[in-house]
N, C-alpha and C. Protein backbone atom coordinates (compact mmCIF):
# COMPACT_ATOMS: atom_id res chain seq x y z
N MET A 1 -156.89 111.12 -84.30
CA MET A 1 -156.51 110.08 -83.53
C MET A 1 -157.39 109.84 -82.67
N ALA A 2 -158.08 108.85 -82.22
CA ALA A 2 -158.71 109.10 -80.93
C ALA A 2 -158.23 109.69 -79.58
N ARG A 3 -159.12 110.04 -78.39
CA ARG A 3 -158.48 110.62 -77.43
C ARG A 3 -157.84 109.70 -76.62
N VAL A 4 -158.39 108.66 -76.75
CA VAL A 4 -157.55 107.02 -75.56
C VAL A 4 -156.69 106.80 -76.23
N LEU A 5 -156.34 106.91 -77.31
CA LEU A 5 -155.30 106.33 -78.16
C LEU A 5 -154.06 107.30 -77.84
N VAL A 6 -154.41 108.80 -77.65
CA VAL A 6 -153.59 109.96 -77.74
C VAL A 6 -152.80 110.02 -76.09
N GLU A 7 -154.19 109.54 -75.26
CA GLU A 7 -153.83 109.37 -73.77
C GLU A 7 -152.69 108.09 -73.37
N ARG A 8 -153.09 106.85 -74.29
CA ARG A 8 -152.07 105.97 -74.07
C ARG A 8 -150.49 106.12 -74.88
N ARG A 9 -150.43 106.89 -75.79
CA ARG A 9 -149.02 106.95 -76.79
C ARG A 9 -148.31 108.19 -75.52
N LEU A 10 -149.19 109.24 -74.91
CA LEU A 10 -148.61 110.27 -74.03
C LEU A 10 -147.97 109.73 -72.77
N ARG A 11 -148.97 108.27 -72.48
CA ARG A 11 -148.21 107.73 -71.43
C ARG A 11 -146.91 106.87 -71.80
N ASP A 12 -146.72 106.59 -72.76
CA ASP A 12 -145.59 105.64 -73.25
C ASP A 12 -144.66 106.85 -73.78
N VAL A 13 -144.68 107.78 -74.15
CA VAL A 13 -144.09 108.27 -74.05
C VAL A 13 -143.49 109.29 -72.97
N ALA A 14 -144.31 109.33 -72.11
CA ALA A 14 -143.69 110.33 -70.74
C ALA A 14 -142.73 108.94 -70.29
N THR A 15 -142.98 107.73 -70.12
CA THR A 15 -142.29 106.43 -70.04
C THR A 15 -141.03 106.53 -69.98
N ARG A 16 -140.95 106.38 -71.62
CA ARG A 16 -139.62 106.52 -72.18
C ARG A 16 -138.82 107.35 -71.72
N LEU A 17 -139.47 108.95 -71.55
CA LEU A 17 -138.62 110.31 -71.86
C LEU A 17 -137.93 110.01 -70.37
N LYS A 18 -138.75 109.38 -69.04
CA LYS A 18 -137.92 109.52 -68.00
C LYS A 18 -136.84 107.81 -67.77
N ARG A 19 -137.09 107.14 -68.54
CA ARG A 19 -136.38 106.22 -68.79
C ARG A 19 -134.81 106.70 -69.36
N LEU A 20 -135.21 107.77 -70.08
CA LEU A 20 -134.05 108.01 -71.42
C LEU A 20 -133.24 109.20 -70.24
N ARG A 21 -133.84 110.06 -69.62
CA ARG A 21 -133.21 110.90 -68.82
C ARG A 21 -132.56 110.42 -67.37
N GLN A 22 -133.27 109.26 -66.84
CA GLN A 22 -132.18 108.47 -66.23
C GLN A 22 -131.13 108.00 -66.43
N GLU A 23 -131.22 107.16 -67.95
CA GLU A 23 -130.04 106.80 -68.91
C GLU A 23 -129.35 107.74 -68.99
N LEU A 24 -129.34 109.06 -69.49
CA LEU A 24 -128.77 110.29 -69.67
C LEU A 24 -127.71 110.69 -68.48
N VAL A 25 -128.64 110.34 -67.14
CA VAL A 25 -127.46 110.97 -65.70
C VAL A 25 -126.39 109.59 -65.83
N VAL A 26 -126.77 108.21 -65.83
CA VAL A 26 -126.04 107.29 -65.79
C VAL A 26 -125.01 107.26 -67.06
N THR A 27 -125.18 108.12 -67.80
CA THR A 27 -124.12 107.90 -68.74
C THR A 27 -123.27 109.01 -68.87
N ASP A 28 -123.54 110.29 -68.47
CA ASP A 28 -122.88 111.61 -68.18
C ASP A 28 -121.83 110.69 -67.14
N GLU A 29 -122.49 110.30 -66.41
CA GLU A 29 -121.10 109.44 -65.00
C GLU A 29 -120.12 108.92 -65.52
N GLN A 30 -120.93 107.78 -66.38
CA GLN A 30 -119.75 107.10 -66.87
C GLN A 30 -118.62 107.48 -67.89
N LEU A 31 -119.05 108.51 -68.41
CA LEU A 31 -118.59 109.49 -69.54
C LEU A 31 -117.43 110.39 -69.08
N LEU A 32 -117.70 111.02 -67.75
CA LEU A 32 -116.67 111.61 -67.16
C LEU A 32 -115.61 110.35 -66.52
N GLN A 33 -116.37 109.41 -66.02
CA GLN A 33 -114.99 108.24 -65.40
C GLN A 33 -114.36 108.12 -66.83
N LEU A 34 -114.68 107.39 -67.79
CA LEU A 34 -114.13 107.32 -68.96
C LEU A 34 -113.00 108.16 -69.49
N ALA A 35 -113.77 109.57 -69.70
CA ALA A 35 -112.73 110.87 -69.91
C ALA A 35 -111.69 110.83 -69.20
N ASP A 36 -111.99 110.94 -67.81
CA ASP A 36 -110.60 111.04 -66.77
C ASP A 36 -109.73 109.66 -67.02
N GLU A 37 -110.01 108.65 -66.68
CA GLU A 37 -109.50 107.75 -67.31
C GLU A 37 -108.25 107.49 -68.57
N ALA A 38 -109.15 108.46 -69.51
CA ALA A 38 -108.19 108.44 -70.69
C ALA A 38 -107.34 109.66 -71.15
N ASP A 39 -107.58 110.80 -70.01
CA ASP A 39 -107.17 111.59 -70.41
C ASP A 39 -105.43 111.09 -69.37
N ASP A 40 -105.63 110.48 -67.91
CA ASP A 40 -104.68 109.77 -67.27
C ASP A 40 -103.66 108.81 -68.09
N ALA A 41 -104.43 108.02 -68.68
CA ALA A 41 -103.56 107.17 -69.69
C ALA A 41 -102.78 107.63 -71.05
N ARG A 42 -103.32 109.04 -71.16
CA ARG A 42 -102.58 109.82 -72.13
C ARG A 42 -101.40 110.66 -71.48
N ILE A 43 -101.38 110.93 -70.35
CA ILE A 43 -100.51 111.32 -69.85
C ILE A 43 -99.41 109.99 -69.17
N ARG A 44 -99.99 109.16 -69.06
CA ARG A 44 -99.21 107.66 -68.85
C ARG A 44 -98.05 107.79 -70.26
N ALA A 45 -98.94 107.79 -71.48
CA ALA A 45 -98.29 106.95 -72.35
C ALA A 45 -97.39 108.57 -73.10
N LEU A 46 -97.70 109.76 -72.48
CA LEU A 46 -96.29 110.63 -73.06
C LEU A 46 -95.63 110.49 -71.95
N VAL A 47 -95.50 110.26 -70.69
CA VAL A 47 -94.28 110.02 -69.68
C VAL A 47 -93.60 108.60 -70.06
N SER A 48 -94.46 107.66 -70.28
CA SER A 48 -93.05 106.39 -70.36
C SER A 48 -93.23 106.58 -72.03
N GLU A 49 -93.60 106.68 -72.88
CA GLU A 49 -93.28 106.34 -74.32
C GLU A 49 -93.18 105.30 -74.54
N THR A 50 -94.11 104.20 -74.26
CA THR A 50 -93.74 102.65 -74.54
C THR A 50 -94.95 102.24 -75.44
N PRO A 51 -94.88 101.73 -76.40
CA PRO A 51 -96.18 101.23 -76.98
C PRO A 51 -97.22 100.50 -76.15
N MET A 52 -96.87 99.85 -74.74
CA MET A 52 -98.22 99.53 -74.28
C MET A 52 -98.56 100.29 -73.85
N ALA A 53 -98.61 101.44 -73.13
CA ALA A 53 -99.10 102.76 -72.32
C ALA A 53 -99.48 103.08 -73.68
N GLU A 54 -98.97 103.41 -75.04
CA GLU A 54 -99.70 104.15 -75.99
C GLU A 54 -101.16 103.42 -76.32
N HIS A 55 -101.14 101.94 -76.43
CA HIS A 55 -101.86 100.98 -76.79
C HIS A 55 -102.95 101.37 -75.71
N ASP A 56 -102.86 101.60 -74.60
CA ASP A 56 -103.98 101.78 -73.14
C ASP A 56 -104.55 103.28 -73.35
N HIS A 57 -103.64 103.99 -73.74
CA HIS A 57 -103.96 105.57 -73.95
C HIS A 57 -105.33 105.41 -75.12
N HIS A 58 -105.53 104.88 -76.42
CA HIS A 58 -106.13 104.58 -77.54
C HIS A 58 -107.16 103.84 -77.34
N GLU A 59 -106.79 102.80 -76.49
CA GLU A 59 -108.25 101.93 -75.98
C GLU A 59 -108.77 102.50 -74.65
N SER A 60 -108.48 103.84 -74.10
CA SER A 60 -109.52 104.64 -73.39
C SER A 60 -110.03 105.55 -73.78
N GLU A 61 -109.46 106.24 -74.72
CA GLU A 61 -109.74 106.80 -75.75
C GLU A 61 -111.31 106.53 -76.68
N GLY A 62 -110.71 105.17 -76.87
CA GLY A 62 -112.01 104.62 -77.82
C GLY A 62 -113.09 104.42 -76.94
N HIS A 63 -113.01 104.07 -75.53
CA HIS A 63 -114.23 103.73 -75.00
C HIS A 63 -115.02 104.80 -74.58
N ALA A 64 -114.05 105.71 -74.58
CA ALA A 64 -114.79 107.73 -74.13
C ALA A 64 -115.29 107.97 -75.34
N ALA A 65 -114.99 107.83 -76.32
CA ALA A 65 -115.30 108.07 -77.76
C ALA A 65 -117.02 107.22 -77.91
N ALA A 66 -116.91 106.13 -77.58
CA ALA A 66 -118.21 105.49 -77.75
C ALA A 66 -119.07 105.43 -76.84
N MET A 67 -118.55 106.14 -75.63
CA MET A 67 -119.62 106.74 -74.45
C MET A 67 -120.45 107.61 -75.22
N ARG A 68 -119.31 108.70 -75.69
CA ARG A 68 -120.04 110.12 -76.29
C ARG A 68 -120.84 109.96 -76.90
N ARG A 69 -120.57 108.70 -78.49
CA ARG A 69 -121.72 108.67 -79.58
C ARG A 69 -123.02 108.10 -78.42
N HIS A 70 -122.68 107.53 -77.59
CA HIS A 70 -124.06 106.72 -76.69
C HIS A 70 -124.68 107.65 -76.07
N ARG A 71 -123.84 108.86 -75.56
CA ARG A 71 -124.72 109.79 -74.66
C ARG A 71 -125.29 110.78 -76.18
N ALA A 72 -124.74 110.88 -76.84
CA ALA A 72 -125.09 111.64 -78.38
C ALA A 72 -126.53 111.25 -78.80
N ALA A 73 -126.92 110.26 -79.03
CA ALA A 73 -127.57 109.24 -79.49
C ALA A 73 -128.96 109.20 -78.37
N VAL A 74 -128.60 108.89 -76.95
CA VAL A 74 -129.57 109.32 -76.24
C VAL A 74 -130.53 110.52 -75.91
N ALA A 75 -129.11 111.44 -76.10
CA ALA A 75 -130.02 112.94 -76.21
C ALA A 75 -130.38 113.21 -77.09
N GLU A 76 -130.44 112.49 -78.48
CA GLU A 76 -131.28 112.94 -79.62
C GLU A 76 -132.33 112.15 -79.48
N GLU A 77 -132.72 110.90 -78.98
CA GLU A 77 -133.80 110.32 -79.00
C GLU A 77 -134.95 111.24 -77.93
N ILE A 78 -133.92 111.97 -76.78
CA ILE A 78 -134.87 112.36 -76.08
C ILE A 78 -135.45 114.04 -76.58
N THR A 79 -134.67 114.42 -77.60
CA THR A 79 -135.06 115.71 -78.00
C THR A 79 -136.33 115.21 -79.06
N ARG A 80 -136.00 113.86 -79.75
CA ARG A 80 -137.31 113.61 -80.64
C ARG A 80 -138.55 113.20 -80.08
N LEU A 81 -137.90 112.31 -78.91
CA LEU A 81 -139.70 112.06 -78.12
C LEU A 81 -140.39 113.32 -77.21
N GLU A 82 -139.40 114.36 -76.65
CA GLU A 82 -139.96 115.41 -76.62
C GLU A 82 -140.86 116.27 -77.44
N GLN A 83 -140.23 116.16 -78.74
CA GLN A 83 -140.80 116.56 -79.86
C GLN A 83 -142.61 115.89 -80.44
N VAL A 84 -142.29 114.50 -80.01
CA VAL A 84 -143.52 113.62 -80.30
C VAL A 84 -144.42 114.08 -78.88
N GLN A 85 -143.97 114.53 -78.00
CA GLN A 85 -145.05 114.35 -76.97
C GLN A 85 -145.45 115.90 -76.88
N ASP A 86 -144.86 116.79 -77.78
CA ASP A 86 -145.39 118.09 -77.78
C ASP A 86 -146.78 117.98 -78.81
N GLU A 87 -146.55 117.16 -79.61
CA GLU A 87 -147.49 117.26 -80.66
C GLU A 87 -148.69 116.38 -80.39
N LEU A 88 -148.29 115.23 -79.44
CA LEU A 88 -149.13 114.76 -78.62
C LEU A 88 -150.37 115.53 -78.01
N LEU A 89 -149.12 116.42 -77.23
CA LEU A 89 -150.36 117.19 -76.34
C LEU A 89 -150.94 118.31 -77.12
N ASP A 90 -150.59 118.76 -78.11
CA ASP A 90 -151.50 119.79 -79.34
C ASP A 90 -152.84 118.71 -79.26
N ARG A 91 -152.78 117.52 -79.53
CA ARG A 91 -153.54 116.55 -80.50
C ARG A 91 -154.69 116.62 -79.16
N PHE A 92 -154.19 116.05 -78.12
CA PHE A 92 -155.29 116.12 -77.11
C PHE A 92 -155.34 117.53 -76.47
N GLN A 93 -154.89 118.40 -76.85
CA GLN A 93 -156.28 119.91 -76.49
C GLN A 93 -157.04 120.00 -77.52
N ALA A 94 -156.50 119.71 -78.64
CA ALA A 94 -157.62 120.22 -79.59
C ALA A 94 -158.67 118.96 -79.64
N GLY A 95 -158.46 118.18 -79.03
CA GLY A 95 -159.49 117.10 -79.01
C GLY A 95 -160.51 117.82 -77.84
N ARG A 96 -159.99 118.62 -76.62
CA ARG A 96 -160.57 118.57 -75.58
C ARG A 96 -161.52 119.76 -75.98
N SER A 97 -160.89 120.74 -76.57
CA SER A 97 -161.71 122.23 -76.96
C SER A 97 -162.98 122.12 -78.17
N SER A 98 -162.55 120.23 -79.01
CA SER A 98 -163.78 120.46 -79.84
C SER A 98 -165.32 119.93 -79.23
C-alpha cells in the first residue's frame, strides 16, 4: 500500500477512534443513568406490586439492556479500529525503513 494511502487511512482511523471514544464516554454516562432508573423501577415494582409498576420496571430494564448492547458494540468497534491502526502503523514503519 502506498505511503500516502497508509497516512490517509491512519488519519481516518484516528478520527474515528476519537469520535468513538467520545461516544463511549457519553454512553457510559447514559448507561449509568438508565441502570439507576431501572433499579429504582425494580424497587418500586417490588414495593407497590402493581402491574403498572412492573411494566415500568421491565421497560426501564429494556432501555438499560439496549444501552449495554450499544456500549458493547462501540467498545468492540474501538478494539477493531485499534487493531487496524496497529497494522497500519506497522506498514507505515516498514515503508519508512525500506
